C-alpha cells in the first residue's frame, strides 16, 4: 500500500539553492560582530486595538524609498547600507543574479522574543 503525503503534493517547489561555503568561518564571525553594531530598535505594534512593544529587536537597511509597513502598524524606513551589509549584498547579487534593495534584521534576545 502506497502512502500519500498530501502536503508534499500541495506544496510549491521553491527555487532554493544552499551554498555551504558561502562565508568562511572567519567571514561569518566578522559579519556577526558587524551585526551586533547595527541600530537595533524595539518598535511598537498595534494589535486588537492595543499598542505594545514588538517582542524582538528589529532593524532595516537599504536603498532610499524602500520603506516597509507590516501589520498595518509598524513602519520601517531603511537606514543607509553599512559597508559590511553592502559588501554582503553585492556578493549575493554576483552569485545569484538577484538584486536586493533592503535587508531586515530580527534579533531574538531570549526565549521570550518571537515573531508572532
PDB file of N, CA and C in Angstrom:
ATOM      1  N   UNK A   1       0.844  -1.184   0.000  1.00  0.00           N
ATOM      2  CA  UNK A   1       0.000   0.000   0.000  1.00  0.00           C
ATOM      3  C   UNK A   1       0.888   1.245   0.000  1.00  0.00           C
ATOM      4  N   UNK A   2       0.623   2.156  -0.897  1.00  0.00           N
ATOM      5  CA  UNK A   2       1.425   3.377  -1.032  1.00  0.00           C
ATOM      6  C   UNK A   2       0.885   4.466  -0.114  1.00  0.00           C
ATOM      7  N   UNK A   3       1.803   5.112   0.632  1.00  0.00           N
ATOM      8  CA  UNK A   3       1.394   6.218   1.497  1.00  0.00           C
ATOM      9  C   UNK A   3       1.250   7.476   0.669  1.00  0.00           C
ATOM     10  N   UNK A   4       0.290   8.281   1.028  1.00  0.00           N
ATOM     11  CA  UNK A   4       0.035   9.529   0.326  1.00  0.00           C
ATOM     12  C   UNK A   4       0.440  10.691   1.229  1.00  0.00           C
ATOM     13  N   UNK A   5       1.331  11.533   0.750  1.00  0.00           N
ATOM     14  CA  UNK A   5       1.744  12.711   1.504  1.00  0.00           C
ATOM     15  C   UNK A   5       1.083  13.919   0.848  1.00  0.00           C
ATOM     16  N   UNK A   6      -0.064  14.326   1.395  1.00  0.00           N
ATOM     17  CA  UNK A   6      -0.822  15.430   0.805  1.00  0.00           C
ATOM     18  C   UNK A   6      -0.048  16.729   0.808  1.00  0.00           C
ATOM     19  N   UNK A   7       0.705  16.981   1.899  1.00  0.00           N
ATOM     20  CA  UNK A   7       1.453  18.233   1.974  1.00  0.00           C
ATOM     21  C   UNK A   7       2.459  18.315   0.835  1.00  0.00           C
ATOM     22  N   UNK A   8       3.192  17.239   0.600  1.00  0.00           N
ATOM     23  CA  UNK A   8       4.203  17.238  -0.461  1.00  0.00           C
ATOM     24  C   UNK A   8       3.570  17.473  -1.823  1.00  0.00           C
ATOM     25  N   UNK A   9       2.352  16.962  -2.025  1.00  0.00           N
ATOM     26  CA  UNK A   9       1.693  17.134  -3.312  1.00  0.00           C
ATOM     27  C   UNK A   9       1.165  18.554  -3.498  1.00  0.00           C
ATOM     28  N   UNK A  10       0.848  19.231  -2.401  1.00  0.00           N
ATOM     29  CA  UNK A  10       0.280  20.574  -2.484  1.00  0.00           C
ATOM     30  C   UNK A  10       1.323  21.677  -2.346  1.00  0.00           C
ATOM     31  N   UNK A  11       2.458  21.351  -1.762  1.00  0.00           N
ATOM     32  CA  UNK A  11       3.483  22.364  -1.503  1.00  0.00           C
ATOM     33  C   UNK A  11       4.171  22.781  -2.798  1.00  0.00           C
ATOM     34  N   UNK A  12       4.357  24.079  -2.975  1.00  0.00           N
ATOM     35  CA  UNK A  12       5.067  24.535  -4.180  1.00  0.00           C
ATOM     36  C   UNK A  12       6.548  24.185  -4.109  1.00  0.00           C
ATOM     37  N   UNK A  13       7.138  23.993  -5.246  1.00  0.00           N
ATOM     38  CA  UNK A  13       8.578  23.747  -5.317  1.00  0.00           C
ATOM     39  C   UNK A  13       9.249  25.107  -5.461  1.00  0.00           C
ATOM     40  N   UNK A  14      10.072  25.448  -4.488  1.00  0.00           N
ATOM     41  CA  UNK A  14      10.720  26.754  -4.489  1.00  0.00           C
ATOM     42  C   UNK A  14      12.149  26.637  -5.016  1.00  0.00           C
ATOM     43  N   UNK A  15      12.609  27.684  -5.702  1.00  0.00           N
ATOM     44  CA  UNK A  15      13.992  27.658  -6.215  1.00  0.00           C
ATOM     45  C   UNK A  15      14.991  28.033  -5.122  1.00  0.00           C
ATOM     46  N   UNK A  16      15.356  27.067  -4.312  1.00  0.00           N
ATOM     47  CA  UNK A  16      16.273  27.309  -3.205  1.00  0.00           C
ATOM     48  C   UNK A  16      17.583  26.585  -3.488  1.00  0.00           C
ATOM     49  N   UNK A  17      18.675  27.306  -3.357  1.00  0.00           N
ATOM     50  CA  UNK A  17      20.000  26.709  -3.511  1.00  0.00           C
ATOM     51  C   UNK A  17      20.786  26.979  -2.243  1.00  0.00           C
ATOM     52  N   UNK A  18      21.418  25.958  -1.711  1.00  0.00           N
ATOM     53  CA  UNK A  18      22.214  26.067  -0.494  1.00  0.00           C
ATOM     54  C   UNK A  18      23.687  26.155  -0.886  1.00  0.00           C
ATOM     55  N   UNK A  19      24.365  27.169  -0.371  1.00  0.00           N
ATOM     56  CA  UNK A  19      25.791  27.367  -0.620  1.00  0.00           C
ATOM     57  C   UNK A  19      26.525  27.189   0.710  1.00  0.00           C
ATOM     58  N   UNK A  20      26.943  25.964   1.047  1.00  0.00           N
ATOM     59  CA  UNK A  20      27.505  25.704   2.383  1.00  0.00           C
ATOM     60  C   UNK A  20      28.792  26.464   2.679  1.00  0.00           C
ATOM     61  N   UNK A  21      29.546  26.853   1.682  1.00  0.00           N
ATOM     62  CA  UNK A  21      30.807  27.566   1.928  1.00  0.00           C
ATOM     63  C   UNK A  21      30.735  29.015   1.469  1.00  0.00           C
ATOM     64  N   UNK A  22      29.535  29.584   1.497  1.00  0.00           N
ATOM     65  CA  UNK A  22      29.367  30.965   1.037  1.00  0.00           C
ATOM     66  C   UNK A  22      30.228  31.924   1.843  1.00  0.00           C
ATOM     67  N   UNK A  23      30.280  31.720   3.146  1.00  0.00           N
ATOM     68  CA  UNK A  23      31.152  32.502   4.023  1.00  0.00           C
ATOM     69  C   UNK A  23      32.079  31.548   4.755  1.00  0.00           C
ATOM     70  N   UNK A  24      33.318  31.935   4.888  1.00  0.00           N
ATOM     71  CA  UNK A  24      34.242  31.164   5.721  1.00  0.00           C
ATOM     72  C   UNK A  24      33.867  31.424   7.177  1.00  0.00           C
ATOM     73  N   UNK A  25      34.404  30.635   8.072  1.00  0.00           N
ATOM     74  CA  UNK A  25      34.148  30.844   9.494  1.00  0.00           C
ATOM     75  C   UNK A  25      34.603  32.240   9.919  1.00  0.00           C
ATOM     76  N   UNK A  26      35.742  32.663   9.435  1.00  0.00           N
ATOM     77  CA  UNK A  26      36.263  33.995   9.762  1.00  0.00           C
ATOM     78  C   UNK A  26      35.333  35.094   9.236  1.00  0.00           C
ATOM     79  N   UNK A  27      34.843  34.944   8.010  1.00  0.00           N
ATOM     80  CA  UNK A  27      33.928  35.944   7.434  1.00  0.00           C
ATOM     81  C   UNK A  27      32.605  35.969   8.202  1.00  0.00           C
ATOM     82  N   UNK A  28      32.102  34.799   8.569  1.00  0.00           N
ATOM     83  CA  UNK A  28      30.841  34.718   9.318  1.00  0.00           C
ATOM     84  C   UNK A  28      30.987  35.371  10.688  1.00  0.00           C
ATOM     85  N   UNK A  29      32.105  35.116  11.351  1.00  0.00           N
ATOM     86  CA  UNK A  29      32.344  35.735  12.660  1.00  0.00           C
ATOM     87  C   UNK A  29      32.455  37.252  12.545  1.00  0.00           C
ATOM     88  N   UNK A  30      33.107  37.728  11.501  1.00  0.00           N
ATOM     89  CA  UNK A  30      33.236  39.167  11.274  1.00  0.00           C
ATOM     90  C   UNK A  30      31.863  39.794  10.997  1.00  0.00           C
ATOM     91  N   UNK A  31      31.053  39.131  10.194  1.00  0.00           N
ATOM     92  CA  UNK A  31      29.707  39.630   9.899  1.00  0.00           C
ATOM     93  C   UNK A  31      28.864  39.665  11.175  1.00  0.00           C
ATOM     94  N   UNK A  32      28.998  38.657  12.004  1.00  0.00           N
ATOM     95  CA  UNK A  32      28.264  38.632  13.273  1.00  0.00           C
ATOM     96  C   UNK A  32      28.645  39.840  14.137  1.00  0.00           C
ATOM     97  N   UNK A  33      29.929  40.128  14.233  1.00  0.00           N
ATOM     98  CA  UNK A  33      30.390  41.279  15.010  1.00  0.00           C
ATOM     99  C   UNK A  33      29.835  42.586  14.431  1.00  0.00           C
ATOM    100  N   UNK A  34      29.799  42.685  13.101  1.00  0.00           N
ATOM    101  CA  UNK A  34      29.223  43.868  12.453  1.00  0.00           C
ATOM    102  C   UNK A  34      27.731  43.990  12.776  1.00  0.00           C
ATOM    103  N   UNK A  35      27.025  42.864  12.783  1.00  0.00           N
ATOM    104  CA  UNK A  35      25.587  42.888  13.060  1.00  0.00           C
ATOM    105  C   UNK A  35      25.282  43.322  14.491  1.00  0.00           C
ATOM    106  N   UNK A  36      26.181  43.028  15.415  1.00  0.00           N
ATOM    107  CA  UNK A  36      25.982  43.473  16.797  1.00  0.00           C
ATOM    108  C   UNK A  36      25.969  44.995  16.894  1.00  0.00           C
ATOM    109  N   UNK A  37      26.597  45.665  15.939  1.00  0.00           N
ATOM    110  CA  UNK A  37      26.709  47.132  15.954  1.00  0.00           C
ATOM    111  C   UNK A  37      25.589  47.826  15.180  1.00  0.00           C
ATOM    112  N   UNK A  38      24.673  47.060  14.588  1.00  0.00           N
ATOM    113  CA  UNK A  38      23.583  47.679  13.832  1.00  0.00           C
ATOM    114  C   UNK A  38      22.659  48.449  14.770  1.00  0.00           C
ATOM    115  N   UNK A  39      21.867  49.331  14.201  1.00  0.00           N
ATOM    116  CA  UNK A  39      20.963  50.163  15.005  1.00  0.00           C
ATOM    117  C   UNK A  39      19.652  49.422  15.257  1.00  0.00           C
ATOM    118  N   UNK A  40      19.696  48.520  16.233  1.00  0.00           N
ATOM    119  CA  UNK A  40      18.535  47.722  16.597  1.00  0.00           C
ATOM    120  C   UNK A  40      17.542  48.596  17.353  1.00  0.00           C
ATOM    121  N   UNK A  41      16.262  48.356  17.134  1.00  0.00           N
ATOM    122  CA  UNK A  41      15.237  49.124  17.844  1.00  0.00           C
ATOM    123  C   UNK A  41      14.059  48.220  18.184  1.00  0.00           C
ATOM    124  N   UNK A  42      13.359  48.571  19.231  1.00  0.00           N
ATOM    125  CA  UNK A  42      12.137  47.854  19.573  1.00  0.00           C
ATOM    126  C   UNK A  42      10.975  48.747  19.183  1.00  0.00           C
ATOM    127  N   UNK A  43      10.254  48.337  18.164  1.00  0.00           N
ATOM    128  CA  UNK A  43       9.130  49.105  17.644  1.00  0.00           C
ATOM    129  C   UNK A  43       7.856  48.796  18.416  1.00  0.00           C
ATOM    130  N   UNK A  44       6.859  49.607  18.184  1.00  0.00           N
ATOM    131  CA  UNK A  44       5.541  49.418  18.780  1.00  0.00           C
ATOM    132  C   UNK A  44       4.595  48.887  17.699  1.00  0.00           C
ATOM    133  N   UNK A  45       3.751  47.925  18.069  1.00  0.00           N
ATOM    134  CA  UNK A  45       2.781  47.348  17.140  1.00  0.00           C
ATOM    135  C   UNK A  45       1.391  47.501  17.743  1.00  0.00           C
ATOM    136  N   UNK A  46       0.411  47.676  16.875  1.00  0.00           N
ATOM    137  CA  UNK A  46      -0.975  47.802  17.325  1.00  0.00           C
ATOM    138  C   UNK A  46      -1.727  46.540  16.913  1.00  0.00           C
ATOM    139  N   UNK A  47      -2.217  45.807  17.925  1.00  0.00           N
ATOM    140  CA  UNK A  47      -2.955  44.570  17.689  1.00  0.00           C
ATOM    141  C   UNK A  47      -4.235  44.607  18.511  1.00  0.00           C
ATOM    142  N   UNK A  48      -5.348  44.354  17.846  1.00  0.00           N
ATOM    143  CA  UNK A  48      -6.658  44.317  18.517  1.00  0.00           C
ATOM    144  C   UNK A  48      -6.898  45.570  19.354  1.00  0.00           C
ATOM    145  N   UNK A  49      -6.521  46.723  18.807  1.00  0.00           N
ATOM    146  CA  UNK A  49      -6.761  47.981  19.483  1.00  0.00           C
ATOM    147  C   UNK A  49      -5.784  48.331  20.590  1.00  0.00           C
ATOM    148  N   UNK A  50      -4.793  47.468  20.816  1.00  0.00           N
ATOM    149  CA  UNK A  50      -3.804  47.730  21.864  1.00  0.00           C
ATOM    150  C   UNK A  50      -2.439  47.962  21.234  1.00  0.00           C
ATOM    151  N   UNK A  51      -1.704  48.916  21.785  1.00  0.00           N
ATOM    152  CA  UNK A  51      -0.331  49.161  21.349  1.00  0.00           C
ATOM    153  C   UNK A  51       0.611  48.508  22.350  1.00  0.00           C
ATOM    154  N   UNK A  52       1.560  47.740  21.803  1.00  0.00           N
ATOM    155  CA  UNK A  52       2.518  47.026  22.656  1.00  0.00           C
ATOM    156  C   UNK A  52       3.854  46.934  21.942  1.00  0.00           C
ATOM    157  N   UNK A  53       4.929  46.662  22.668  1.00  0.00           N
ATOM    158  CA  UNK A  53       6.234  46.516  22.022  1.00  0.00           C
ATOM    159  C   UNK A  53       6.275  45.248  21.167  1.00  0.00           C
ATOM    160  N   UNK A  54       6.910  45.338  20.014  1.00  0.00           N
ATOM    161  CA  UNK A  54       7.173  44.152  19.207  1.00  0.00           C
ATOM    162  C   UNK A  54       8.085  43.254  20.048  1.00  0.00           C
ATOM    163  N   UNK A  55       7.800  41.953  20.111  1.00  0.00           N
ATOM    164  CA  UNK A  55       8.577  41.087  21.008  1.00  0.00           C
ATOM    165  C   UNK A  55       9.932  40.638  20.443  1.00  0.00           C
ATOM    166  N   UNK A  56      10.682  41.579  19.923  1.00  0.00           N
ATOM    167  CA  UNK A  56      12.036  41.340  19.398  1.00  0.00           C
ATOM    168  C   UNK A  56      12.615  42.693  19.012  1.00  0.00           C
ATOM    169  N   UNK A  57      13.894  42.741  18.712  1.00  0.00           N
ATOM    170  CA  UNK A  57      14.508  43.946  18.170  1.00  0.00           C
ATOM    171  C   UNK A  57      14.541  43.822  16.656  1.00  0.00           C
ATOM    172  N   UNK A  58      14.445  44.955  15.967  1.00  0.00           N
ATOM    173  CA  UNK A  58      14.425  44.957  14.511  1.00  0.00           C
ATOM    174  C   UNK A  58      15.326  46.052  13.969  1.00  0.00           C
ATOM    175  N   UNK A  59      15.755  45.863  12.732  1.00  0.00           N
ATOM    176  CA  UNK A  59      16.436  46.932  12.007  1.00  0.00           C
ATOM    177  C   UNK A  59      16.209  46.699  10.516  1.00  0.00           C
ATOM    178  N   UNK A  60      16.331  47.763   9.760  1.00  0.00           N
ATOM    179  CA  UNK A  60      16.194  47.666   8.310  1.00  0.00           C
ATOM    180  C   UNK A  60      17.240  48.587   7.685  1.00  0.00           C
ATOM    181  N   UNK A  61      17.935  48.064   6.697  1.00  0.00           N
ATOM    182  CA  UNK A  61      18.926  48.825   5.946  1.00  0.00           C
ATOM    183  C   UNK A  61      18.606  48.644   4.474  1.00  0.00           C
ATOM    184  N   UNK A  62      18.879  49.671   3.669  1.00  0.00           N
ATOM    185  CA  UNK A  62      18.604  49.505   2.252  1.00  0.00           C
ATOM    186  C   UNK A  62      18.627  50.795   1.470  1.00  0.00           C
ATOM    187  N   UNK A  63      18.064  50.684   0.279  1.00  0.00           N
ATOM    188  CA  UNK A  63      18.000  51.808  -0.644  1.00  0.00           C
ATOM    189  C   UNK A  63      16.946  52.811  -0.181  1.00  0.00           C
ATOM    190  N   UNK A  64      17.189  54.082  -0.454  1.00  0.00           N
ATOM    191  CA  UNK A  64      16.225  55.132  -0.124  1.00  0.00           C
ATOM    192  C   UNK A  64      14.902  54.834  -0.824  1.00  0.00           C
ATOM    193  N   UNK A  65      13.809  55.073  -0.114  1.00  0.00           N
ATOM    194  CA  UNK A  65      12.485  54.877  -0.689  1.00  0.00           C
ATOM    195  C   UNK A  65      11.937  53.468  -0.550  1.00  0.00           C
ATOM    196  N   UNK A  66      12.695  52.566   0.021  1.00  0.00           N
ATOM    197  CA  UNK A  66      12.236  51.183   0.194  1.00  0.00           C
ATOM    198  C   UNK A  66      11.643  50.987   1.579  1.00  0.00           C
ATOM    199  N   UNK A  67      10.685  51.831   1.907  1.00  0.00           N
ATOM    200  CA  UNK A  67      10.030  51.754   3.205  1.00  0.00           C
ATOM    201  C   UNK A  67       9.225  50.462   3.293  1.00  0.00           C
ATOM    202  N   UNK A  68       8.988  49.991   4.519  1.00  0.00           N
ATOM    203  CA  UNK A  68       8.315  48.713   4.732  1.00  0.00           C
ATOM    204  C   UNK A  68       7.301  48.861   5.848  1.00  0.00           C
ATOM    205  N   UNK A  69       6.070  48.457   5.587  1.00  0.00           N
ATOM    206  CA  UNK A  69       4.991  48.502   6.574  1.00  0.00           C
ATOM    207  C   UNK A  69       4.494  47.078   6.795  1.00  0.00           C
ATOM    208  N   UNK A  70       4.407  46.659   8.050  1.00  0.00           N
ATOM    209  CA  UNK A  70       3.794  45.358   8.311  1.00  0.00           C
ATOM    210  C   UNK A  70       2.775  45.465   9.433  1.00  0.00           C
ATOM    211  N   UNK A  71       1.823  44.562   9.414  1.00  0.00           N
ATOM    212  CA  UNK A  71       0.724  44.506  10.385  1.00  0.00           C
ATOM    213  C   UNK A  71      -0.051  45.818  10.440  1.00  0.00           C
ATOM    214  N   UNK A  72      -0.001  46.564   9.377  1.00  0.00           N
ATOM    215  CA  UNK A  72      -0.716  47.841   9.272  1.00  0.00           C
ATOM    216  C   UNK A  72      -0.377  48.815  10.393  1.00  0.00           C
ATOM    217  N   UNK A  73       0.747  48.579  11.098  1.00  0.00           N
ATOM    218  CA  UNK A  73       1.062  49.495  12.194  1.00  0.00           C
ATOM    219  C   UNK A  73       2.551  49.721  12.428  1.00  0.00           C
ATOM    220  N   UNK A  74       3.408  48.897  11.863  1.00  0.00           N
ATOM    221  CA  UNK A  74       4.842  49.070  12.077  1.00  0.00           C
ATOM    222  C   UNK A  74       5.473  49.526  10.765  1.00  0.00           C
ATOM    223  N   UNK A  75       5.961  50.753  10.769  1.00  0.00           N
ATOM    224  CA  UNK A  75       6.562  51.357   9.583  1.00  0.00           C
ATOM    225  C   UNK A  75       8.073  51.406   9.765  1.00  0.00           C
ATOM    226  N   UNK A  76       8.788  50.761   8.858  1.00  0.00           N
ATOM    227  CA  UNK A  76      10.245  50.745   8.916  1.00  0.00           C
ATOM    228  C   UNK A  76      10.810  51.515   7.732  1.00  0.00           C
ATOM    229  N   UNK A  77      11.659  52.470   8.014  1.00  0.00           N
ATOM    230  CA  UNK A  77      12.335  53.270   6.990  1.00  0.00           C
ATOM    231  C   UNK A  77      13.796  52.840   6.986  1.00  0.00           C
ATOM    232  N   UNK A  78      14.301  52.393   5.841  1.00  0.00           N
ATOM    233  CA  UNK A  78      15.660  51.842   5.846  1.00  0.00           C
ATOM    234  C   UNK A  78      16.739  52.872   6.136  1.00  0.00           C
ATOM    235  N   UNK A  79      17.690  52.440   6.940  1.00  0.00           N
ATOM    236  CA  UNK A  79      18.914  53.206   7.156  1.00  0.00           C
ATOM    237  C   UNK A  79      19.837  52.923   5.978  1.00  0.00           C
ATOM    238  N   UNK A  80      20.826  53.769   5.782  1.00  0.00           N
ATOM    239  CA  UNK A  80      21.791  53.582   4.701  1.00  0.00           C
ATOM    240  C   UNK A  80      22.583  52.307   4.920  1.00  0.00           C
ATOM    241  N   UNK A  81      22.817  51.573   3.835  1.00  0.00           N
ATOM    242  CA  UNK A  81      23.592  50.329   3.906  1.00  0.00           C
ATOM    243  C   UNK A  81      24.900  50.561   4.675  1.00  0.00           C
ATOM    244  N   UNK A  82      25.237  49.663   5.569  1.00  0.00           N
ATOM    245  CA  UNK A  82      26.570  49.704   6.180  1.00  0.00           C
ATOM    246  C   UNK A  82      27.548  49.112   5.168  1.00  0.00           C
ATOM    247  N   UNK A  83      28.819  49.324   5.387  1.00  0.00           N
ATOM    248  CA  UNK A  83      29.827  48.772   4.482  1.00  0.00           C
ATOM    249  C   UNK A  83      29.743  47.248   4.433  1.00  0.00           C
ATOM    250  N   UNK A  84      29.616  46.617   5.600  1.00  0.00           N
ATOM    251  CA  UNK A  84      29.560  45.152   5.659  1.00  0.00           C
ATOM    252  C   UNK A  84      28.319  44.615   4.963  1.00  0.00           C
ATOM    253  N   UNK A  85      27.141  45.232   5.202  1.00  0.00           N
ATOM    254  CA  UNK A  85      25.916  44.768   4.554  1.00  0.00           C
ATOM    255  C   UNK A  85      25.953  45.018   3.057  1.00  0.00           C
ATOM    256  N   UNK A  86      26.533  46.128   2.645  1.00  0.00           N
ATOM    257  CA  UNK A  86      26.669  46.442   1.225  1.00  0.00           C
ATOM    258  C   UNK A  86      27.536  45.393   0.514  1.00  0.00           C
ATOM    259  N   UNK A  87      28.650  45.028   1.133  1.00  0.00           N
ATOM    260  CA  UNK A  87      29.534  44.004   0.541  1.00  0.00           C
ATOM    261  C   UNK A  87      28.831  42.651   0.478  1.00  0.00           C
ATOM    262  N   UNK A  88      28.073  42.310   1.523  1.00  0.00           N
ATOM    263  CA  UNK A  88      27.337  41.051   1.533  1.00  0.00           C
ATOM    264  C   UNK A  88      26.271  41.057   0.438  1.00  0.00           C
ATOM    265  N   UNK A  89      25.528  42.165   0.316  1.00  0.00           N
ATOM    266  CA  UNK A  89      24.515  42.299  -0.734  1.00  0.00           C
ATOM    267  C   UNK A  89      25.140  42.114  -2.110  1.00  0.00           C
ATOM    268  N   UNK A  90      26.270  42.778  -2.363  1.00  0.00           N
ATOM    269  CA  UNK A  90      26.927  42.689  -3.671  1.00  0.00           C
ATOM    270  C   UNK A  90      27.410  41.272  -3.959  1.00  0.00           C
ATOM    271  N   UNK A  91      27.876  40.601  -2.946  1.00  0.00           N
ATOM    272  CA  UNK A  91      28.341  39.217  -3.124  1.00  0.00           C
ATOM    273  C   UNK A  91      27.173  38.286  -3.455  1.00  0.00           C
ATOM    274  N   UNK A  92      26.050  38.476  -2.765  1.00  0.00           N
ATOM    275  CA  UNK A  92      24.850  37.675  -3.041  1.00  0.00           C
ATOM    276  C   UNK A  92      24.347  37.958  -4.451  1.00  0.00           C
ATOM    277  N   UNK A  93      24.333  39.223  -4.842  1.00  0.00           N
ATOM    278  CA  UNK A  93      23.894  39.596  -6.190  1.00  0.00           C
ATOM    279  C   UNK A  93      24.780  38.954  -7.248  1.00  0.00           C
ATOM    280  N   UNK A  94      26.090  38.987  -7.043  1.00  0.00           N
ATOM    281  CA  UNK A  94      27.020  38.400  -8.016  1.00  0.00           C
ATOM    282  C   UNK A  94      26.801  36.893  -8.144  1.00  0.00           C
ATOM    283  N   UNK A  95      26.476  36.240  -7.045  1.00  0.00           N
ATOM    284  CA  UNK A  95      26.292  34.792  -7.060  1.00  0.00           C
ATOM    285  C   UNK A  95      24.939  34.385  -7.639  1.00  0.00           C
ATOM    286  N   UNK A  96      23.888  35.136  -7.306  1.00  0.00           N
ATOM    287  CA  UNK A  96      22.527  34.719  -7.665  1.00  0.00           C
ATOM    288  C   UNK A  96      21.930  35.451  -8.851  1.00  0.00           C
ATOM    289  N   UNK A  97      22.435  36.665  -9.116  1.00  0.00           N
ATOM    290  CA  UNK A  97      21.831  37.477 -10.164  1.00  0.00           C
ATOM    291  C   UNK A  97      20.636  38.287  -9.682  1.00  0.00           C
ATOM    292  N   UNK A  98      20.239  38.122  -8.419  1.00  0.00           N
ATOM    293  CA  UNK A  98      19.133  38.878  -7.847  1.00  0.00           C
ATOM    294  C   UNK A  98      19.669  40.109  -7.130  1.00  0.00           C
ATOM    295  N   UNK A  99      19.001  41.257  -7.343  1.00  0.00           N
ATOM    296  CA  UNK A  99      19.404  42.491  -6.669  1.00  0.00           C
ATOM    297  C   UNK A  99      18.436  42.757  -5.525  1.00  0.00           C
ATOM    298  N   UNK A 100      18.976  42.836  -4.342  1.00  0.00           N
ATOM    299  CA  UNK A 100      18.171  43.099  -3.161  1.00  0.00           C
ATOM    300  C   UNK A 100      18.275  44.573  -2.796  1.00  0.00           C
ATOM    301  N   UNK A 101      17.134  45.171  -2.453  1.00  0.00           N
ATOM    302  CA  UNK A 101      17.096  46.600  -2.155  1.00  0.00           C
ATOM    303  C   UNK A 101      17.039  46.891  -0.661  1.00  0.00           C
ATOM    304  N   UNK A 102      16.661  45.884   0.141  1.00  0.00           N
ATOM    305  CA  UNK A 102      16.634  46.060   1.597  1.00  0.00           C
ATOM    306  C   UNK A 102      17.058  44.761   2.278  1.00  0.00           C
ATOM    307  N   UNK A 103      17.443  44.896   3.520  1.00  0.00           N
ATOM    308  CA  UNK A 103      17.637  43.746   4.405  1.00  0.00           C
ATOM    309  C   UNK A 103      16.974  44.108   5.725  1.00  0.00           C
ATOM    310  N   UNK A 104      16.199  43.177   6.241  1.00  0.00           N
ATOM    311  CA  UNK A 104      15.522  43.373   7.522  1.00  0.00           C
ATOM    312  C   UNK A 104      16.120  42.383   8.509  1.00  0.00           C
ATOM    313  N   UNK A 105      16.515  42.889   9.670  1.00  0.00           N
ATOM    314  CA  UNK A 105      17.074  42.034  10.699  1.00  0.00           C
ATOM    315  C   UNK A 105      16.136  41.925  11.885  1.00  0.00           C
ATOM    316  N   UNK A 106      16.041  40.734  12.432  1.00  0.00           N
ATOM    317  CA  UNK A 106      15.312  40.492  13.673  1.00  0.00           C
ATOM    318  C   UNK A 106      16.299  39.922  14.675  1.00  0.00           C
ATOM    319  N   UNK A 107      16.292  40.458  15.877  1.00  0.00           N
ATOM    320  CA  UNK A 107      17.180  39.960  16.926  1.00  0.00           C
ATOM    321  C   UNK A 107      16.320  39.416  18.065  1.00  0.00           C
ATOM    322  N   UNK A 108      16.515  38.130  18.340  1.00  0.00           N
ATOM    323  CA  UNK A 108      15.776  37.456  19.399  1.00  0.00           C
ATOM    324  C   UNK A 108      16.711  37.325  20.598  1.00  0.00           C
ATOM    325  N   UNK A 109      16.410  38.092  21.626  1.00  0.00           N
ATOM    326  CA  UNK A 109      17.309  38.197  22.773  1.00  0.00           C
ATOM    327  C   UNK A 109      17.206  37.016  23.728  1.00  0.00           C
ATOM    328  N   UNK A 110      16.060  36.384  23.757  1.00  0.00           N
ATOM    329  CA  UNK A 110      15.855  35.278  24.697  1.00  0.00           C
ATOM    330  C   UNK A 110      14.706  34.420  24.176  1.00  0.00           C
ATOM    331  N   UNK A 111      14.357  33.411  24.925  1.00  0.00           N
ATOM    332  CA  UNK A 111      13.229  32.559  24.567  1.00  0.00           C
ATOM    333  C   UNK A 111      11.897  33.288  24.666  1.00  0.00           C
ATOM    334  N   UNK A 112      11.909  34.501  25.210  1.00  0.00           N
ATOM    335  CA  UNK A 112      10.686  35.300  25.317  1.00  0.00           C
ATOM    336  C   UNK A 112      10.397  36.095  24.042  1.00  0.00           C
ATOM    337  N   UNK A 113      11.414  36.326  23.223  1.00  0.00           N
ATOM    338  CA  UNK A 113      11.237  37.058  21.970  1.00  0.00           C
ATOM    339  C   UNK A 113      10.657  36.123  20.915  1.00  0.00           C
ATOM    340  N   UNK A 114       9.873  36.697  19.991  1.00  0.00           N
ATOM    341  CA  UNK A 114       9.207  35.858  18.995  1.00  0.00           C
ATOM    342  C   UNK A 114       8.852  36.671  17.762  1.00  0.00           C
ATOM    343  N   UNK A 115       8.263  35.965  16.789  1.00  0.00           N
ATOM    344  CA  UNK A 115       7.777  36.615  15.579  1.00  0.00           C
ATOM    345  C   UNK A 115       6.275  36.837  15.666  1.00  0.00           C
ATOM    346  N   UNK A 116       5.556  35.934  16.237  1.00  0.00           N
ATOM    347  CA  UNK A 116       4.096  36.067  16.213  1.00  0.00           C
ATOM    348  C   UNK A 116       3.465  35.928  17.571  1.00  0.00           C
TER     349      UNK A 116
END
